[in-house]
Protein backbone atom coordinates (compact mmCIF):
# COMPACT_ATOMS: atom_id res chain seq x y z
CA MET A 1 0.00 0.00 0.00
CA GLN A 2 1.33 3.39 -0.97
CA PRO A 3 1.62 5.96 1.84
CA PHE A 4 -0.53 9.06 1.68
CA PHE A 5 2.36 11.52 1.21
CA SER A 6 3.54 9.51 -1.80
CA ARG A 7 0.10 9.82 -3.26
CA ARG A 8 0.21 13.59 -3.05
CA ILE A 9 3.65 13.76 -4.60
CA ASN A 10 2.53 11.57 -7.48
CA LEU A 11 -0.45 13.81 -8.12
CA LEU A 12 1.91 16.62 -8.99
CA PHE A 13 3.59 14.68 -11.77
CA ILE A 14 1.09 12.25 -13.20
CA ALA A 15 -1.72 13.09 -15.59
CA PHE A 16 -4.06 10.35 -16.56
CA SER A 17 -6.54 10.03 -19.34
CA CYS A 18 -10.08 9.98 -17.98
CA ALA A 19 -10.85 7.21 -20.42
CA LEU A 20 -8.39 4.97 -18.60
CA ILE A 21 -10.01 5.54 -15.24
CA VAL A 22 -13.64 5.53 -16.26
CA HIS A 23 -13.43 2.37 -18.33
CA ALA A 24 -16.54 0.48 -17.35
CA GLN A 25 -16.30 -2.95 -15.81
CA ASP A 26 -18.47 -5.44 -17.66
CA ASP A 27 -17.68 -8.44 -15.45
CA LEU A 28 -19.67 -7.29 -12.43
CA PRO A 29 -22.50 -9.22 -10.72
CA LYS A 30 -25.77 -9.00 -12.63
CA ASP A 31 -28.15 -9.27 -9.68
CA TYR A 32 -27.85 -5.90 -7.96
CA LEU A 33 -31.09 -4.12 -7.13
CA SER A 34 -32.48 -2.45 -10.24
CA LYS A 35 -32.79 1.29 -10.75
CA GLU A 36 -36.55 0.72 -10.99
CA PHE A 37 -36.49 -0.70 -7.46
CA HIS A 38 -34.77 2.37 -6.05
CA LYS A 39 -37.07 4.73 -7.94
CA GLY A 40 -40.07 2.87 -6.56
CA ARG A 41 -38.75 3.22 -3.02
CA ARG A 42 -38.35 6.99 -3.46
CA GLU A 43 -41.88 7.21 -4.79
CA ALA A 44 -43.17 5.18 -1.86
CA ALA A 45 -41.41 7.50 0.60
CA ARG A 46 -42.80 10.57 -1.18
CA ALA A 47 -46.32 9.19 -0.87
CA MET A 48 -45.89 8.92 2.92
CA MET A 49 -44.45 12.40 3.40
CA PRO A 50 -46.70 15.21 4.71
CA ASP A 51 -47.67 18.09 2.46
CA ASN A 52 -45.09 20.81 1.84
CA SER A 53 -42.18 18.72 3.10
CA ALA A 54 -38.67 17.76 2.08
CA MET A 55 -36.64 14.72 3.12
CA VAL A 56 -32.85 14.78 3.44
CA VAL A 57 -30.69 11.61 3.33
CA PHE A 58 -26.91 11.82 3.70
CA ALA A 59 -24.27 9.29 2.71
CA ALA A 60 -22.45 7.56 5.55
CA PRO A 61 -19.10 9.01 6.60
CA THR A 62 -15.80 7.32 5.86
CA ARG A 63 -14.09 5.94 8.95
CA THR A 64 -10.39 5.73 9.78
CA PHE A 65 -8.96 2.27 10.36
CA SER A 66 -5.39 3.35 11.06
CA ASN A 67 -3.49 6.55 10.34
CA ASP A 68 -4.38 7.38 6.70
CA VAL A 69 -6.11 4.05 5.95
CA THR A 70 -9.91 3.90 6.00
CA TYR A 71 -12.25 1.03 6.64
CA PHE A 72 -13.98 -0.54 3.66
CA TYR A 73 -16.78 1.92 2.92
CA HIS A 74 -20.28 0.93 3.97
CA GLN A 75 -23.06 3.15 2.68
CA ASN A 76 -25.87 4.52 4.82
CA PRO A 77 -28.50 1.79 4.23
CA ASP A 78 -31.26 4.37 3.79
CA LEU A 79 -29.38 6.17 1.02
CA TYR A 80 -28.54 2.86 -0.65
CA TYR A 81 -32.21 1.82 -0.38
CA PHE A 82 -33.37 4.97 -2.14
CA THR A 83 -30.59 5.27 -4.75
CA GLY A 84 -28.25 2.25 -5.03
CA TYR A 85 -25.34 4.70 -4.70
CA LYS A 86 -22.29 3.28 -2.88
CA GLU A 87 -19.99 6.31 -2.65
CA PRO A 88 -19.44 8.81 0.18
CA ASN A 89 -19.84 12.62 0.25
CA SER A 90 -23.34 12.78 -1.18
CA VAL A 91 -26.84 13.88 -0.18
CA LEU A 92 -30.30 13.07 -1.54
CA LEU A 93 -33.29 15.41 -1.26
CA ILE A 94 -36.83 14.15 -1.88
CA PHE A 95 -39.69 16.65 -2.16
CA LYS A 96 -43.36 15.91 -1.57
CA GLU A 97 -44.49 18.29 -4.30
CA GLU A 98 -42.93 19.12 -7.62
CA GLN A 99 -40.49 22.02 -7.46
CA ILE A 100 -39.58 24.54 -10.15
CA GLY A 101 -35.93 25.52 -10.50
CA SER A 102 -34.55 28.93 -11.40
CA ASP A 103 -34.19 27.66 -14.96
CA GLY A 104 -37.89 26.77 -15.13
CA LYS A 105 -37.25 23.01 -15.03
CA LYS A 106 -39.42 20.87 -12.75
CA PHE A 107 -38.07 18.30 -10.29
CA ASN A 108 -39.20 16.37 -7.22
CA GLU A 109 -35.78 15.13 -6.09
CA LEU A 110 -32.17 16.25 -6.18
CA PHE A 111 -29.03 14.18 -5.74
CA PHE A 112 -25.60 15.70 -5.12
CA VAL A 113 -22.74 13.23 -5.64
CA GLN A 114 -18.97 13.03 -5.76
CA LYS A 115 -17.34 14.75 -8.70
CA ARG A 116 -15.36 12.70 -11.22
CA ASN A 117 -11.63 13.02 -10.59
CA ALA A 118 -9.28 10.78 -12.59
CA LEU A 119 -6.33 11.23 -10.24
CA GLU A 120 -8.35 10.48 -7.11
CA GLU A 121 -9.98 7.52 -8.79
CA GLN A 122 -6.65 5.89 -9.44
CA TRP A 123 -6.15 5.77 -5.68
CA THR A 124 -9.59 5.18 -4.24
CA GLY A 125 -11.60 3.62 -7.05
CA ARG A 126 -13.95 4.52 -9.85
CA ARG A 127 -16.64 7.10 -9.31
CA LEU A 128 -19.97 7.17 -11.11
CA GLY A 129 -20.16 10.94 -11.35
CA THR A 130 -23.32 12.67 -12.52
CA GLU A 131 -23.52 10.90 -15.88
CA GLY A 132 -22.91 7.50 -14.30
CA VAL A 133 -25.66 8.12 -11.75
CA LYS A 134 -28.08 9.10 -14.52
CA THR A 135 -27.21 6.06 -16.64
CA MET A 136 -26.64 3.36 -14.03
CA LEU A 137 -29.04 4.46 -11.27
CA GLY A 138 -31.68 6.25 -13.32
CA ILE A 139 -31.70 9.46 -11.26
CA GLU A 140 -32.32 12.41 -13.56
CA HIS A 141 -31.71 15.47 -11.42
CA VAL A 142 -28.16 14.83 -10.24
CA HIS A 143 -25.40 17.37 -9.63
CA ASN A 144 -21.81 17.44 -8.43
CA ASN A 145 -21.67 17.88 -4.68
CA ASP A 146 -19.71 21.14 -4.93
CA GLU A 147 -22.78 22.71 -6.59
CA LEU A 148 -24.94 22.39 -3.47
CA LYS A 149 -23.61 25.51 -1.75
CA ASN A 150 -24.78 27.89 -4.46
CA PHE A 151 -27.77 25.84 -5.62
CA PRO A 152 -30.93 28.01 -5.37
CA LEU A 153 -32.71 25.91 -2.75
CA ASP A 154 -34.31 27.33 0.39
CA LEU A 155 -35.19 24.42 2.67
CA SER A 156 -36.51 26.79 5.32
CA LYS A 157 -39.59 27.48 3.17
CA PHE A 158 -40.92 23.95 3.69
CA ARG A 159 -43.45 23.28 6.42
CA THR A 160 -41.55 20.16 7.47
CA VAL A 161 -37.98 19.01 6.87
CA ILE A 162 -37.58 15.28 7.48
CA PHE A 163 -34.21 13.72 8.19
CA GLY A 164 -32.47 11.23 10.43
CA SER A 165 -29.55 12.28 12.57
CA PHE A 166 -26.84 14.57 11.28
CA TYR A 167 -23.49 12.89 11.74
CA GLU A 168 -21.90 14.91 14.54
CA ASP A 169 -18.47 13.25 14.53
CA VAL A 170 -17.47 13.91 10.92
CA ALA A 171 -14.06 15.49 10.37
CA ASP A 172 -13.60 18.29 7.85
CA ASN A 173 -11.14 17.68 5.04
CA PRO A 174 -9.72 21.14 4.28
CA ALA A 175 -8.70 19.98 0.81
CA ASP A 176 -12.29 19.08 -0.11
CA LYS A 177 -14.90 21.84 -0.01
CA ALA A 178 -17.75 19.43 -0.66
CA ASP A 179 -17.04 16.54 1.68
CA LEU A 180 -19.70 15.22 4.05
CA TYR A 181 -18.78 17.78 6.72
CA ASP A 182 -19.42 20.61 4.25
CA LEU A 183 -22.61 19.06 2.88
CA ILE A 184 -24.05 18.78 6.39
CA SER A 185 -23.08 22.38 7.18
CA ILE A 186 -24.65 23.65 3.95
CA VAL A 187 -27.91 21.74 4.51
CA LYS A 188 -28.14 23.05 8.08
CA GLN A 189 -27.80 26.59 6.74
CA LYS A 190 -30.43 26.01 4.05
CA ILE A 191 -32.85 24.62 6.66
CA ASN A 192 -31.99 27.50 9.00
CA LEU A 193 -31.63 25.12 11.92
CA PRO A 194 -31.79 26.67 15.40
CA ALA A 195 -28.45 27.30 17.05
CA ASP A 196 -29.26 24.81 19.81
CA TYR A 197 -30.02 21.96 17.40
CA GLN A 198 -28.80 18.67 18.79
CA ASN A 199 -29.45 15.21 17.34
CA ALA A 200 -30.04 13.60 20.72
CA LEU A 201 -32.56 16.23 21.82
CA TYR A 202 -34.76 15.87 18.76
CA LYS A 203 -34.51 12.09 18.88
CA ASP A 204 -35.74 12.27 22.48
CA LEU A 205 -38.64 14.49 21.43
CA GLY A 206 -39.50 11.99 18.72
CA PHE A 207 -39.42 9.19 21.29
CA PHE A 208 -41.78 11.21 23.50
CA LYS A 209 -44.26 11.66 20.67
CA SER A 210 -44.29 7.98 19.77
CA ARG A 211 -44.16 6.43 23.25
CA ALA A 212 -45.30 8.83 26.00
CA SER A 213 -48.41 7.84 27.94
CA VAL A 214 -49.90 8.31 31.39
CA ALA A 215 -48.38 4.96 32.39
CA ASN A 216 -44.78 6.00 31.69
CA ILE A 217 -44.84 9.80 31.91
CA ASP A 218 -43.14 9.99 35.32
CA ARG A 219 -40.18 7.96 34.08
CA ILE A 220 -39.95 10.05 30.90
CA LYS A 221 -40.14 13.31 32.88
CA ASN A 222 -37.34 12.16 35.18
CA ASN A 223 -35.22 11.27 32.16
CA PHE A 224 -35.66 14.75 30.70
CA LYS A 225 -34.96 16.38 34.08
CA THR A 226 -31.67 14.47 34.32
CA LYS A 227 -30.66 15.62 30.86
CA MET A 228 -31.66 19.22 31.62
CA GLU A 229 -29.24 19.21 34.54
CA ALA A 230 -26.38 18.12 32.29
CA ASN A 231 -27.17 19.91 29.02
CA GLU A 232 -27.93 23.58 28.41
CA ASN A 233 -29.77 22.90 25.15
CA TYR A 234 -32.25 20.71 27.02
CA ARG A 235 -32.64 23.36 29.74
CA ASN A 236 -33.44 26.09 27.22
CA ASN A 237 -35.72 24.13 24.91
CA PRO A 238 -39.38 25.22 25.36
CA ILE A 239 -40.82 21.79 24.53
CA VAL A 240 -38.56 20.09 27.06
CA LYS A 241 -39.65 22.65 29.66
CA ALA A 242 -43.28 21.78 28.89
CA ILE A 243 -42.59 18.04 29.21
CA VAL A 244 -41.21 18.28 32.76
CA GLU A 245 -44.32 20.28 33.78
CA ILE A 246 -46.83 17.74 32.44
CA ASN A 247 -49.63 16.86 34.88
CA ASP A 248 -52.15 14.78 32.94
CA SER A 249 -53.05 13.17 29.62
CA THR A 250 -54.27 16.50 28.22
CA ASP A 251 -50.82 17.98 28.76
CA ILE A 252 -49.24 14.95 27.07
CA GLU A 253 -51.37 15.40 23.94
CA LYS A 254 -50.63 19.15 23.83
CA VAL A 255 -46.89 18.48 23.82
CA LYS A 256 -47.26 15.74 21.18
CA THR A 257 -49.15 18.20 18.96
CA GLU A 258 -46.42 20.80 19.45
CA ILE A 259 -43.75 18.27 18.45
CA SER A 260 -45.79 17.26 15.38
CA GLU A 261 -46.00 20.88 14.26
CA ALA A 262 -42.28 21.51 14.55
CA LYS A 263 -40.42 22.12 11.30
CA ILE A 264 -37.68 19.62 12.15
CA ASN A 265 -39.00 16.05 12.13
CA THR A 266 -36.63 13.17 12.81
CA LEU A 267 -39.44 10.90 13.99
CA ALA A 268 -41.12 11.00 10.58
CA PHE A 269 -37.88 9.87 8.95
CA ASP A 270 -37.71 6.79 11.18
CA GLN A 271 -41.42 6.08 10.67
CA ILE A 272 -41.25 6.33 6.88
CA THR A 273 -38.03 4.39 6.40
CA GLY A 274 -39.05 1.86 9.04
CA ALA A 275 -42.45 1.22 7.47
CA LEU A 276 -40.90 0.77 4.04
CA ARG A 277 -37.89 -1.33 4.99
CA GLU A 278 -39.74 -3.72 7.30
CA ILE A 279 -41.69 -5.11 4.31
CA LYS A 280 -39.44 -6.80 1.78
CA THR A 281 -40.15 -6.64 -1.93
CA PRO A 282 -39.68 -9.67 -4.23
CA GLU A 283 -36.46 -8.10 -5.55
CA GLU A 284 -35.07 -7.75 -2.04
CA MET A 285 -36.08 -11.30 -1.20
CA GLN A 286 -33.90 -12.66 -3.98
CA LEU A 287 -30.84 -11.14 -2.28
CA ILE A 288 -31.90 -12.11 1.24
CA ARG A 289 -32.49 -15.71 0.18
CA LYS A 290 -28.97 -15.84 -1.27
CA ALA A 291 -27.43 -14.32 1.85
CA VAL A 292 -29.22 -16.83 4.08
CA GLU A 293 -28.42 -19.86 1.91
CA ILE A 294 -24.75 -18.85 1.69
CA SER A 295 -24.63 -18.48 5.48
CA CYS A 296 -26.18 -21.91 5.93
CA ILE A 297 -23.68 -23.52 3.56
CA GLY A 298 -20.93 -21.93 5.64
CA GLN A 299 -22.42 -23.45 8.79
CA ASN A 300 -22.67 -26.85 7.14
CA GLU A 301 -19.11 -26.88 5.83
CA VAL A 302 -17.74 -25.86 9.22
CA MET A 303 -19.75 -28.57 10.97
CA LYS A 304 -18.16 -31.17 8.70
CA ALA A 305 -14.65 -29.73 9.05
CA VAL A 306 -14.49 -28.78 12.73
CA HIS A 307 -12.15 -30.62 15.09
CA PRO A 308 -10.78 -29.89 18.59
CA ASP A 309 -7.42 -28.51 17.40
CA MET A 310 -9.00 -25.77 15.29
CA SER A 311 -8.91 -22.20 16.52
CA GLU A 312 -11.91 -19.90 16.72
CA LEU A 313 -10.22 -17.64 14.18
CA GLU A 314 -9.71 -20.51 11.73
CA ILE A 315 -13.38 -21.40 12.00
CA GLN A 316 -14.32 -17.78 11.36
CA GLY A 317 -12.09 -17.87 8.29
CA LEU A 318 -13.82 -20.98 6.94
CA HIS A 319 -17.22 -19.35 7.25
CA GLU A 320 -16.11 -16.17 5.54
CA TYR A 321 -14.25 -18.05 2.78
CA VAL A 322 -17.48 -19.83 1.89
CA HIS A 323 -19.30 -16.49 1.87
CA LYS A 324 -16.84 -14.93 -0.55
CA LYS A 325 -16.73 -18.07 -2.71
CA TYR A 326 -20.43 -17.48 -3.37
CA GLY A 327 -20.03 -13.74 -3.97
CA ALA A 328 -21.04 -12.30 -0.60
CA GLU A 329 -18.95 -9.15 -0.27
CA GLU A 330 -18.91 -8.83 3.51
CA VAL A 331 -20.30 -10.22 6.73
CA GLY A 332 -23.37 -8.43 8.02
CA TYR A 333 -21.82 -8.05 11.49
CA GLY A 334 -18.74 -9.18 13.35
CA SER A 335 -18.54 -12.98 13.21
CA ILE A 336 -19.18 -14.60 16.59
CA VAL A 337 -17.34 -17.90 17.06
CA GLY A 338 -17.36 -18.83 20.74
CA ALA A 339 -16.06 -22.15 22.06
CA GLY A 340 -17.07 -23.29 25.53
CA GLU A 341 -17.63 -20.44 27.93
CA ASN A 342 -16.86 -17.87 25.23
CA GLY A 343 -20.30 -18.68 23.88
CA CYS A 344 -21.79 -17.17 27.03
CA ILE A 345 -20.66 -13.74 25.81
CA LEU A 346 -23.54 -12.66 23.58
CA HIS A 347 -21.49 -10.55 21.17
CA TYR A 348 -18.14 -12.29 21.55
CA MET A 349 -16.01 -11.27 18.57
CA GLU A 350 -12.42 -11.66 19.70
CA ASN A 351 -12.35 -15.25 18.40
CA THR A 352 -8.87 -15.72 19.86
CA LYS A 353 -9.05 -19.18 21.46
CA THR A 354 -6.34 -21.24 19.77
CA LYS A 355 -8.03 -24.62 20.29
CA VAL A 356 -11.78 -24.99 20.56
CA GLY A 357 -11.45 -28.34 22.34
CA THR A 358 -14.40 -30.67 22.74
CA ASP A 359 -16.89 -28.18 24.21
CA LEU A 360 -19.91 -26.72 22.47
CA LEU A 361 -19.15 -24.26 19.71
CA LEU A 362 -21.54 -21.35 19.16
CA MET A 363 -21.29 -19.81 15.67
CA ASP A 364 -23.33 -16.69 14.92
CA VAL A 365 -22.23 -15.71 11.41
CA GLY A 366 -24.14 -13.97 8.63
CA ALA A 367 -23.14 -13.28 5.03
CA GLU A 368 -23.93 -9.90 3.51
CA TYR A 369 -24.89 -10.23 -0.14
CA HIS A 370 -25.23 -6.99 -2.14
CA GLY A 371 -26.04 -5.11 1.06
CA TYR A 372 -28.53 -7.61 2.55
CA THR A 373 -27.49 -9.67 5.52
CA ALA A 374 -28.46 -13.02 6.96
CA ASP A 375 -28.26 -13.84 10.67
CA VAL A 376 -27.86 -17.55 11.38
CA THR A 377 -26.59 -19.23 14.55
CA ARG A 378 -25.80 -22.86 15.16
CA THR A 379 -24.40 -24.45 18.32
CA VAL A 380 -22.58 -27.73 17.74
CA PRO A 381 -20.60 -30.28 19.78
CA VAL A 382 -17.02 -30.28 18.52
CA SER A 383 -16.66 -33.82 19.87
CA GLY A 384 -19.33 -34.95 17.42
CA LYS A 385 -21.91 -35.87 20.07
CA PHE A 386 -23.82 -33.79 22.60
CA SER A 387 -23.18 -34.77 26.21
CA PRO A 388 -26.30 -35.47 28.35
CA GLU A 389 -26.07 -31.99 29.92
CA GLN A 390 -25.50 -30.26 26.59
CA LYS A 391 -28.35 -32.20 25.03
CA ALA A 392 -30.73 -31.23 27.85
CA ILE A 393 -30.01 -27.50 27.44
CA TYR A 394 -30.08 -27.71 23.65
CA LYS A 395 -33.50 -29.40 23.70
CA ILE A 396 -34.97 -26.59 25.80
CA VAL A 397 -33.73 -23.97 23.35
CA TYR A 398 -34.95 -26.01 20.38
CA ASP A 399 -38.38 -26.43 21.97
CA ALA A 400 -38.52 -22.69 22.69
CA GLN A 401 -37.83 -21.95 19.05
CA GLU A 402 -40.51 -24.40 17.96
CA ALA A 403 -43.01 -22.77 20.33
CA ALA A 404 -42.26 -19.38 18.78
CA PHE A 405 -42.50 -20.68 15.20
CA LYS A 406 -46.04 -21.90 15.81
CA LEU A 407 -47.21 -18.35 16.48
CA LEU A 408 -45.69 -16.68 13.42
CA LYS A 409 -48.15 -15.39 10.84
CA ASN A 410 -49.48 -12.19 9.38
CA GLY A 411 -51.22 -10.13 12.09
CA ALA A 412 -49.72 -11.94 15.07
CA LYS A 413 -48.18 -9.94 17.89
CA TRP A 414 -44.41 -9.96 18.26
CA THR A 415 -44.89 -10.32 22.01
CA ASP A 416 -46.82 -13.59 21.72
CA ALA A 417 -43.92 -15.50 20.15
CA SER A 418 -41.48 -13.94 22.62
CA ALA A 419 -43.64 -14.92 25.57
CA ALA A 420 -44.01 -18.49 24.32
CA ALA A 421 -40.25 -18.92 23.92
CA LYS A 422 -39.51 -17.41 27.31
CA GLU A 423 -42.14 -19.57 29.02
CA THR A 424 -40.65 -22.71 27.44
CA ILE A 425 -37.15 -21.81 28.60
CA ALA A 426 -38.34 -20.95 32.11
CA ASN A 427 -40.18 -24.26 32.45
CA GLY A 428 -37.22 -26.20 31.11
CA LEU A 429 -34.70 -24.58 33.46
CA LEU A 430 -37.10 -25.07 36.34
CA GLN A 431 -37.43 -28.79 35.60
CA LEU A 432 -33.63 -29.17 35.49
CA GLY A 433 -33.28 -27.37 38.82
CA ILE A 434 -31.15 -24.63 37.31
CA ILE A 435 -33.63 -22.00 38.53
CA LYS A 436 -36.05 -22.15 41.43
CA HIS A 437 -38.56 -19.59 40.20
CA LYS A 438 -39.67 -18.66 36.69
CA ASP A 439 -38.80 -15.01 37.21
CA GLU A 440 -35.11 -16.02 37.37
CA VAL A 441 -35.13 -16.96 33.68
CA ASN A 442 -33.56 -13.65 32.61
CA ARG A 443 -30.30 -14.67 34.28
CA TYR A 444 -29.80 -17.36 31.64
CA TYR A 445 -31.88 -15.93 28.79
CA PRO A 446 -30.96 -12.21 28.85
CA HIS A 447 -31.93 -11.08 25.33
CA GLY A 448 -34.97 -10.74 23.10
CA LEU A 449 -36.26 -13.35 20.71
CA SER A 450 -36.42 -11.57 17.40
CA HIS A 451 -35.53 -8.67 15.13
CA HIS A 452 -35.85 -7.69 11.48
CA ILE A 453 -33.03 -8.41 9.04
CA GLY A 454 -32.32 -6.72 5.72
CA LEU A 455 -29.94 -3.90 4.87
CA ASP A 456 -29.04 -3.87 8.57
CA VAL A 457 -28.66 -7.01 10.63
CA HIS A 458 -30.99 -5.31 13.12
CA ASP A 459 -33.11 -3.84 10.38
CA LYS A 460 -35.64 -1.06 10.67
CA GLY A 461 -39.26 -1.66 11.57
CA VAL A 462 -42.15 0.16 13.23
CA SER A 463 -45.07 -2.27 13.41
CA GLN A 464 -46.20 -3.84 16.65
CA VAL A 465 -47.58 -6.85 14.80
CA LEU A 466 -46.05 -9.21 12.27
CA LYS A 467 -46.86 -8.52 8.63
CA LYS A 468 -46.64 -10.53 5.46
CA ASP A 469 -43.21 -10.20 3.79
CA MET A 470 -41.35 -9.24 6.94
CA VAL A 471 -38.12 -11.19 7.44
CA ILE A 472 -37.24 -11.76 11.07
CA THR A 473 -34.97 -13.88 13.24
CA ILE A 474 -36.11 -16.32 15.91
CA GLU A 475 -33.19 -16.78 18.30
CA PRO A 476 -33.78 -18.17 21.79
CA GLY A 477 -30.74 -19.05 23.87
CA ILE A 478 -29.47 -20.24 27.23
CA TYR A 479 -26.09 -19.17 28.66
CA ILE A 480 -24.70 -20.58 31.90
CA PRO A 481 -21.29 -19.07 32.74
CA SER A 482 -19.04 -20.44 35.47
CA ASN A 483 -19.96 -19.56 39.03
CA SER A 484 -23.65 -19.44 38.19
CA PRO A 485 -25.90 -20.38 41.14
CA CYS A 486 -26.62 -23.88 39.88
CA ASN A 487 -24.98 -27.30 39.77
CA LYS A 488 -21.44 -27.08 38.33
CA LYS A 489 -22.24 -29.67 35.69
CA TRP A 490 -24.13 -26.94 33.80
CA TRP A 491 -21.33 -24.36 33.93
CA GLY A 492 -19.87 -23.24 30.63
CA ILE A 493 -22.80 -24.44 28.52
CA SER A 494 -24.14 -21.91 26.03
CA VAL A 495 -26.68 -22.62 23.32
CA ARG A 496 -28.29 -20.30 20.81
CA ILE A 497 -30.26 -21.39 17.75
CA GLU A 498 -31.06 -18.60 15.33
CA ASP A 499 -33.05 -18.89 12.14
CA ASP A 500 -34.40 -16.44 9.57
CA ALA A 501 -38.10 -16.56 8.76
CA LEU A 502 -40.26 -14.91 6.09
CA ILE A 503 -43.73 -14.09 7.41
CA THR A 504 -46.59 -15.32 5.21
CA ASN A 505 -50.37 -14.93 5.45
CA ASP A 506 -50.86 -18.23 7.25
CA GLY A 507 -47.48 -18.81 8.88
CA TYR A 508 -43.88 -18.53 7.87
CA GLU A 509 -41.21 -19.86 5.54
CA LEU A 510 -38.00 -20.97 7.24
CA LEU A 511 -35.35 -19.47 4.97
CA SER A 512 -32.45 -21.00 6.91
CA SER A 513 -33.65 -24.60 6.75
CA PHE A 514 -30.54 -25.44 4.69
CA ALA A 515 -28.54 -25.82 7.92
CA PRO A 516 -29.67 -28.57 10.32
CA ARG A 517 -30.77 -27.41 13.76
CA SER A 518 -32.03 -30.61 15.40
CA ILE A 519 -29.70 -32.64 17.62
CA GLU A 520 -29.89 -35.61 15.25
CA GLY A 521 -29.33 -33.50 12.14
CA ILE A 522 -26.28 -31.75 13.59
CA GLU A 523 -24.63 -34.95 14.84
CA LYS A 524 -25.23 -36.61 11.47
CA LEU A 525 -23.65 -33.73 9.54
CA ILE A 526 -20.62 -33.49 11.84
CA ALA A 527 -19.89 -37.15 11.08
CA GLU A 528 -19.61 -36.43 7.35
CA LYS A 529 -16.27 -35.89 5.67
CA SER A 530 -15.22 -32.40 4.68
CA VAL A 531 -13.57 -31.22 1.48
CA LEU A 532 -11.15 -29.46 3.81
CA ASP A 533 -10.01 -32.59 5.65
CA ASN A 534 -6.87 -32.91 3.54
CA TYR A 535 -6.23 -29.20 3.14
CA LYS A 536 -2.91 -28.61 4.88
CA LEU A 537 -0.85 -25.45 4.80
CA PRO A 538 2.92 -25.51 5.36
CA PRO A 539 4.13 -24.43 8.81
CA LEU A 540 5.41 -20.87 9.13
CA LYS A 541 9.18 -20.76 8.91
CA SER A 542 9.22 -17.68 11.14
CA ALA A 543 7.70 -19.81 13.88
CA GLU A 544 10.66 -22.19 13.90
CA LYS A 545 12.91 -21.92 16.90
CA LYS A 546 15.87 -19.66 16.08
CA LYS A 547 19.39 -20.56 17.06
CA SER A 548 20.99 -18.24 19.57
CA PHE A 549 24.27 -16.57 18.60
């Protein structure tokens, strides 16, 4: 990798033909989301927006990995959902009504993107530019991002401006006058945001509007009082002052109305994007199905290959090799490969144990295919057979998952499946003597049952009931770390089974059925031979013992 200072020196001497840099790749995957899909999503959002409103969606910031090296860029899922654009330093504006520009042309959306730059592209990759966005993504009204500052657009004229959070930790690149930092600053000016604007404050106001009730108002008031003590913007905000003085339900509704009438609306952004993204289209389902199947194949291949001398990191590598072999660009989240007691850590991602031994192995690994992620967990006995204690715990978790599956269908409450799984686990632990009362179940089952998956592993959603074409996880688990108040024979056992389900009118489709989850199915697969059994790498010469001089 060339150092950054070398890059700058080279820029002084090298001139490249744009044709060399912009040469289109014709050997790319053919199953990306179509430009018609993205256009349809923008139209769907526009239909949900209130009258006289504008929506603002920024690209995600780049993040530093080390010194002048950045992490692989991951786009803001909302911007990708609406555009298919994968580059940084951009902003999309969607308008409820048709607008007329200073040149007399009509538009209902504007997209400001990175400018073509042959020299930069040699270092950081090809850019679509305005013409590429028009051709490849089908967005007509697109401009270079450095045009935003002087673009004749007054966002303060709109009754409502809808956006998520402004990124508040973005650094300014002095050499780029249209980077994300500048785009955010320009949009703030065009909205005429109040000087005390703070992401957290307006998110809290949105939470109040969506959740406040007589039952929880005292807790919410205390939360705002605590923040007023620590933050001047909270102390000076008139709506916050009204919240802490609330006495009854009439006062609650007055404050909710005041929040609804405010120009700045972050709640509407979450409601619109959540309502859209929680229901998957047929085009999205094609990608999700691939991500889930790839993840399951990874689980299967590891089950066949695993042995006690493997490291957690090696097992992670096998999973992710399978993912990439099938074209999945990334993992949807940090791979969790926990042997023995490491499995008791819910989001264990160190994966540093050098030998997994003969304990249970918990593998929570999901492929991300063209932006859409799976989320599949299997817990397997490295020895090849579950011990009696492991089998007993595994059966409880399996039964809890089965109890939840039975309640999945269009119109069902999320809480019903969660309650059924929790009740099954509580009864099972009670029968084994691991707990003495059902209300102790949270000690060993400390997380929820389910979440959406999609462009985020914990994808957006707003509905309190299940709906057709939602894709959700069902993931009960039991975790018994050492020194738990139960018989020692249970210590160190951790089991989670996680599957991905598509909600249908009458039930569900188990998308992750490719990977066995029953005790018999897992033990049978582990006994099979692996294509990796004879794959041996040479030992590292640098690891050989050096002679002393």
